[in-house]
């Protein structure tokens, strides 16, 4: 069965190649690179230690923001009750 929208083969870059692309990119090009990374059209391997550190920091900040939004949306009391149910010993 032919797909209407074939999945493109991802472009593979090393961390060094990504760094070069980012260093010389305009704001619009950075947005395209970010979207390609998010969607899997661009895959990066062999990160430099600095890039790996930044990725870990970004992931933790992103997780913290998601948690903050959940507290705002659901309320702290509901989340604590859910945590209590999830961690309660099985009876």
N, C-alpha and C. Protein backbone atom coordinates (compact mmCIF):
# COMPACT_ATOMS: atom_id res chain seq x y z
N UNK A 1 0.85 -1.17 0.00
CA UNK A 1 0.00 0.00 0.00
C UNK A 1 0.90 1.24 0.00
N UNK A 2 0.68 2.12 -0.94
CA UNK A 2 1.48 3.34 -1.04
C UNK A 2 0.99 4.37 -0.03
N UNK A 3 1.93 5.01 0.59
CA UNK A 3 1.61 6.04 1.56
C UNK A 3 1.42 7.37 0.84
N UNK A 4 0.47 8.13 1.29
CA UNK A 4 0.24 9.45 0.69
C UNK A 4 1.39 10.37 1.03
N UNK A 5 1.86 10.28 2.25
CA UNK A 5 2.98 11.10 2.71
C UNK A 5 4.12 10.19 3.13
N UNK A 6 5.02 9.86 2.21
CA UNK A 6 6.11 8.96 2.60
C UNK A 6 6.99 9.58 3.68
N UNK A 7 7.47 8.73 4.56
CA UNK A 7 8.34 9.20 5.64
C UNK A 7 9.73 9.42 5.06
N UNK A 8 10.25 10.65 5.19
CA UNK A 8 11.59 10.90 4.64
C UNK A 8 12.67 10.20 5.46
N UNK A 9 13.73 9.84 4.80
CA UNK A 9 14.87 9.25 5.49
C UNK A 9 15.53 10.34 6.33
N UNK A 10 15.76 10.09 7.62
CA UNK A 10 16.35 11.13 8.45
C UNK A 10 17.79 11.44 8.04
N UNK A 11 18.17 12.68 8.25
CA UNK A 11 19.54 13.13 8.01
C UNK A 11 20.31 12.89 9.30
N UNK A 12 21.45 12.23 9.20
CA UNK A 12 22.28 11.95 10.37
C UNK A 12 23.46 12.91 10.42
N UNK A 13 23.63 13.56 11.57
CA UNK A 13 24.74 14.49 11.78
C UNK A 13 25.47 14.12 13.05
N UNK A 14 26.74 14.48 13.12
CA UNK A 14 27.46 14.38 14.38
C UNK A 14 27.22 15.67 15.16
N UNK A 15 27.58 15.67 16.41
CA UNK A 15 27.46 16.88 17.21
C UNK A 15 28.24 18.04 16.63
N UNK A 16 29.41 17.75 16.10
CA UNK A 16 30.25 18.79 15.49
C UNK A 16 29.56 19.39 14.26
N UNK A 17 28.97 18.54 13.43
CA UNK A 17 28.27 19.04 12.24
C UNK A 17 27.07 19.90 12.63
N UNK A 18 26.33 19.45 13.65
CA UNK A 18 25.20 20.25 14.12
C UNK A 18 25.68 21.60 14.63
N UNK A 19 26.78 21.61 15.38
CA UNK A 19 27.32 22.85 15.92
C UNK A 19 27.64 23.83 14.79
N UNK A 20 28.24 23.33 13.71
CA UNK A 20 28.55 24.21 12.57
C UNK A 20 27.29 24.77 11.94
N UNK A 21 26.26 23.93 11.80
CA UNK A 21 25.00 24.40 11.21
C UNK A 21 24.36 25.48 12.09
N UNK A 22 24.38 25.26 13.38
CA UNK A 22 23.74 26.21 14.29
C UNK A 22 24.51 27.52 14.35
N UNK A 23 25.83 27.44 14.35
CA UNK A 23 26.66 28.63 14.47
C UNK A 23 26.41 29.62 13.33
N UNK A 24 26.15 29.13 12.13
CA UNK A 24 25.99 30.00 10.97
C UNK A 24 24.54 30.15 10.52
N UNK A 25 23.59 29.77 11.36
CA UNK A 25 22.19 29.77 10.96
C UNK A 25 21.49 31.06 11.37
N UNK A 26 20.53 31.45 10.54
CA UNK A 26 19.65 32.58 10.88
C UNK A 26 18.58 32.08 11.85
N UNK A 27 17.76 32.96 12.35
CA UNK A 27 16.68 32.57 13.26
C UNK A 27 15.70 31.62 12.57
N UNK A 28 15.39 31.89 11.32
CA UNK A 28 14.48 31.01 10.58
C UNK A 28 15.09 29.63 10.38
N UNK A 29 16.37 29.58 10.08
CA UNK A 29 17.05 28.29 9.90
C UNK A 29 17.12 27.52 11.21
N UNK A 30 17.31 28.24 12.33
CA UNK A 30 17.31 27.58 13.64
C UNK A 30 15.95 26.96 13.93
N UNK A 31 14.89 27.65 13.54
CA UNK A 31 13.54 27.11 13.75
C UNK A 31 13.34 25.83 12.94
N UNK A 32 13.84 25.81 11.72
CA UNK A 32 13.73 24.61 10.88
C UNK A 32 14.54 23.47 11.48
N UNK A 33 15.75 23.76 11.95
CA UNK A 33 16.58 22.74 12.58
C UNK A 33 15.88 22.18 13.82
N UNK A 34 15.30 23.04 14.63
CA UNK A 34 14.59 22.60 15.84
C UNK A 34 13.41 21.70 15.47
N UNK A 35 12.65 22.08 14.46
CA UNK A 35 11.52 21.26 14.03
C UNK A 35 11.99 19.92 13.47
N UNK A 36 13.08 19.93 12.70
CA UNK A 36 13.62 18.69 12.16
C UNK A 36 14.10 17.76 13.28
N UNK A 37 14.71 18.32 14.31
CA UNK A 37 15.13 17.51 15.46
C UNK A 37 13.93 16.92 16.19
N UNK A 38 12.91 17.76 16.39
CA UNK A 38 11.71 17.33 17.11
C UNK A 38 10.99 16.21 16.37
N UNK A 39 10.93 16.32 15.05
CA UNK A 39 10.15 15.38 14.25
C UNK A 39 10.91 14.13 13.86
N UNK A 40 12.22 14.11 14.10
CA UNK A 40 13.01 12.95 13.74
C UNK A 40 13.58 13.00 12.34
N UNK A 41 13.37 14.11 11.63
CA UNK A 41 13.96 14.24 10.29
C UNK A 41 15.46 14.50 10.37
N UNK A 42 15.92 14.93 11.54
CA UNK A 42 17.34 15.18 11.78
C UNK A 42 17.74 14.41 13.03
N UNK A 43 18.74 13.56 12.91
CA UNK A 43 19.20 12.72 14.01
C UNK A 43 20.66 13.07 14.29
N UNK A 44 20.98 13.29 15.56
CA UNK A 44 22.33 13.68 15.93
C UNK A 44 22.93 12.60 16.82
N UNK A 45 24.18 12.25 16.53
CA UNK A 45 24.90 11.29 17.35
C UNK A 45 26.27 11.86 17.67
N UNK A 46 26.95 11.22 18.59
CA UNK A 46 28.29 11.66 18.99
C UNK A 46 28.31 13.12 19.45
N UNK A 47 27.44 13.41 20.43
CA UNK A 47 27.41 14.76 21.00
C UNK A 47 28.73 15.06 21.69
N UNK A 48 29.12 16.32 21.67
CA UNK A 48 30.26 16.74 22.47
C UNK A 48 29.82 16.74 23.93
N UNK A 49 30.76 16.71 24.87
CA UNK A 49 30.37 16.76 26.28
C UNK A 49 29.52 18.00 26.60
N UNK A 50 29.85 19.14 26.01
CA UNK A 50 29.07 20.36 26.25
C UNK A 50 27.64 20.21 25.74
N UNK A 51 27.48 19.64 24.54
CA UNK A 51 26.15 19.46 23.98
C UNK A 51 25.33 18.48 24.83
N UNK A 52 25.96 17.41 25.27
CA UNK A 52 25.26 16.43 26.11
C UNK A 52 24.80 17.07 27.41
N UNK A 53 25.66 17.88 28.02
CA UNK A 53 25.31 18.58 29.26
C UNK A 53 24.13 19.52 29.04
N UNK A 54 24.14 20.27 27.94
CA UNK A 54 23.04 21.18 27.64
C UNK A 54 21.74 20.43 27.40
N UNK A 55 21.82 19.29 26.72
CA UNK A 55 20.62 18.50 26.45
C UNK A 55 19.99 18.00 27.75
N UNK A 56 20.83 17.55 28.68
CA UNK A 56 20.33 17.06 29.96
C UNK A 56 19.70 18.21 30.75
N UNK A 57 20.35 19.35 30.76
CA UNK A 57 19.80 20.51 31.48
C UNK A 57 18.47 20.95 30.86
N UNK A 58 18.39 20.98 29.54
CA UNK A 58 17.16 21.37 28.87
C UNK A 58 16.04 20.40 29.19
N UNK A 59 16.35 19.11 29.17
CA UNK A 59 15.33 18.10 29.46
C UNK A 59 14.79 18.26 30.87
N UNK A 60 15.65 18.54 31.85
CA UNK A 60 15.19 18.70 33.21
C UNK A 60 14.36 19.96 33.37
N UNK A 61 14.73 21.04 32.68
CA UNK A 61 13.94 22.28 32.74
C UNK A 61 12.58 22.05 32.09
N UNK A 62 12.57 21.35 30.97
CA UNK A 62 11.33 21.05 30.28
C UNK A 62 10.41 20.22 31.18
N UNK A 63 10.98 19.22 31.87
CA UNK A 63 10.20 18.38 32.77
C UNK A 63 9.64 19.23 33.91
N UNK A 64 10.44 20.12 34.47
CA UNK A 64 9.97 20.99 35.56
C UNK A 64 8.81 21.86 35.10
N UNK A 65 8.90 22.38 33.89
CA UNK A 65 7.80 23.22 33.36
C UNK A 65 6.53 22.39 33.19
N UNK A 66 6.68 21.15 32.72
CA UNK A 66 5.51 20.29 32.57
C UNK A 66 4.87 20.01 33.93
N UNK A 67 5.69 19.77 34.93
CA UNK A 67 5.17 19.53 36.27
C UNK A 67 4.46 20.77 36.81
N UNK A 68 5.05 21.94 36.60
CA UNK A 68 4.41 23.18 37.05
C UNK A 68 3.06 23.38 36.37
N UNK A 69 2.99 23.09 35.08
CA UNK A 69 1.72 23.24 34.36
C UNK A 69 0.67 22.25 34.89
N UNK A 70 1.11 21.04 35.24
CA UNK A 70 0.17 20.05 35.79
C UNK A 70 -0.38 20.53 37.12
N UNK A 71 0.47 21.11 37.96
CA UNK A 71 0.01 21.64 39.25
C UNK A 71 -0.98 22.78 39.02
N UNK A 72 -0.69 23.67 38.08
CA UNK A 72 -1.60 24.78 37.79
C UNK A 72 -2.94 24.27 37.27
N UNK A 73 -2.88 23.27 36.40
CA UNK A 73 -4.10 22.78 35.76
C UNK A 73 -4.95 21.93 36.71
N UNK A 74 -4.31 21.06 37.49
CA UNK A 74 -5.05 20.12 38.32
C UNK A 74 -5.19 20.53 39.78
N UNK A 75 -4.25 21.33 40.24
CA UNK A 75 -4.25 21.72 41.64
C UNK A 75 -3.38 20.78 42.46
N UNK A 76 -2.71 21.34 43.44
CA UNK A 76 -1.78 20.57 44.25
C UNK A 76 -2.47 19.46 45.03
N UNK A 77 -3.68 19.72 45.55
CA UNK A 77 -4.39 18.73 46.35
C UNK A 77 -4.69 17.48 45.53
N UNK A 78 -5.17 17.66 44.30
CA UNK A 78 -5.48 16.51 43.44
C UNK A 78 -4.23 15.72 43.11
N UNK A 79 -3.11 16.42 42.85
CA UNK A 79 -1.87 15.71 42.54
C UNK A 79 -1.35 14.94 43.75
N UNK A 80 -1.41 15.55 44.95
CA UNK A 80 -0.96 14.83 46.14
C UNK A 80 -1.83 13.61 46.38
N UNK A 81 -3.13 13.72 46.15
CA UNK A 81 -4.02 12.56 46.33
C UNK A 81 -3.66 11.46 45.33
N UNK A 82 -3.35 11.85 44.10
CA UNK A 82 -2.95 10.86 43.09
C UNK A 82 -1.63 10.19 43.49
N UNK A 83 -0.67 10.97 44.00
CA UNK A 83 0.60 10.40 44.45
C UNK A 83 0.37 9.43 45.61
N UNK A 84 -0.52 9.81 46.52
CA UNK A 84 -0.82 8.94 47.68
C UNK A 84 -1.42 7.63 47.20
N UNK A 85 -2.34 7.68 46.25
CA UNK A 85 -2.94 6.43 45.72
C UNK A 85 -1.88 5.58 45.01
N UNK A 86 -1.02 6.24 44.24
CA UNK A 86 -0.02 5.50 43.47
C UNK A 86 1.03 4.85 44.35
N UNK A 87 1.30 5.43 45.50
CA UNK A 87 2.36 4.90 46.36
C UNK A 87 1.82 4.13 47.57
N UNK A 88 0.51 4.00 47.66
CA UNK A 88 -0.08 3.28 48.79
C UNK A 88 0.24 1.79 48.68
N UNK A 89 0.49 1.17 49.82
CA UNK A 89 0.77 -0.28 49.78
C UNK A 89 -0.47 -1.04 49.29
N UNK A 90 -0.22 -2.11 48.56
CA UNK A 90 -1.33 -2.93 48.06
C UNK A 90 -1.96 -3.67 49.22
N UNK A 91 -3.27 -3.72 49.22
CA UNK A 91 -3.96 -4.41 50.33
C UNK A 91 -4.66 -5.64 49.84
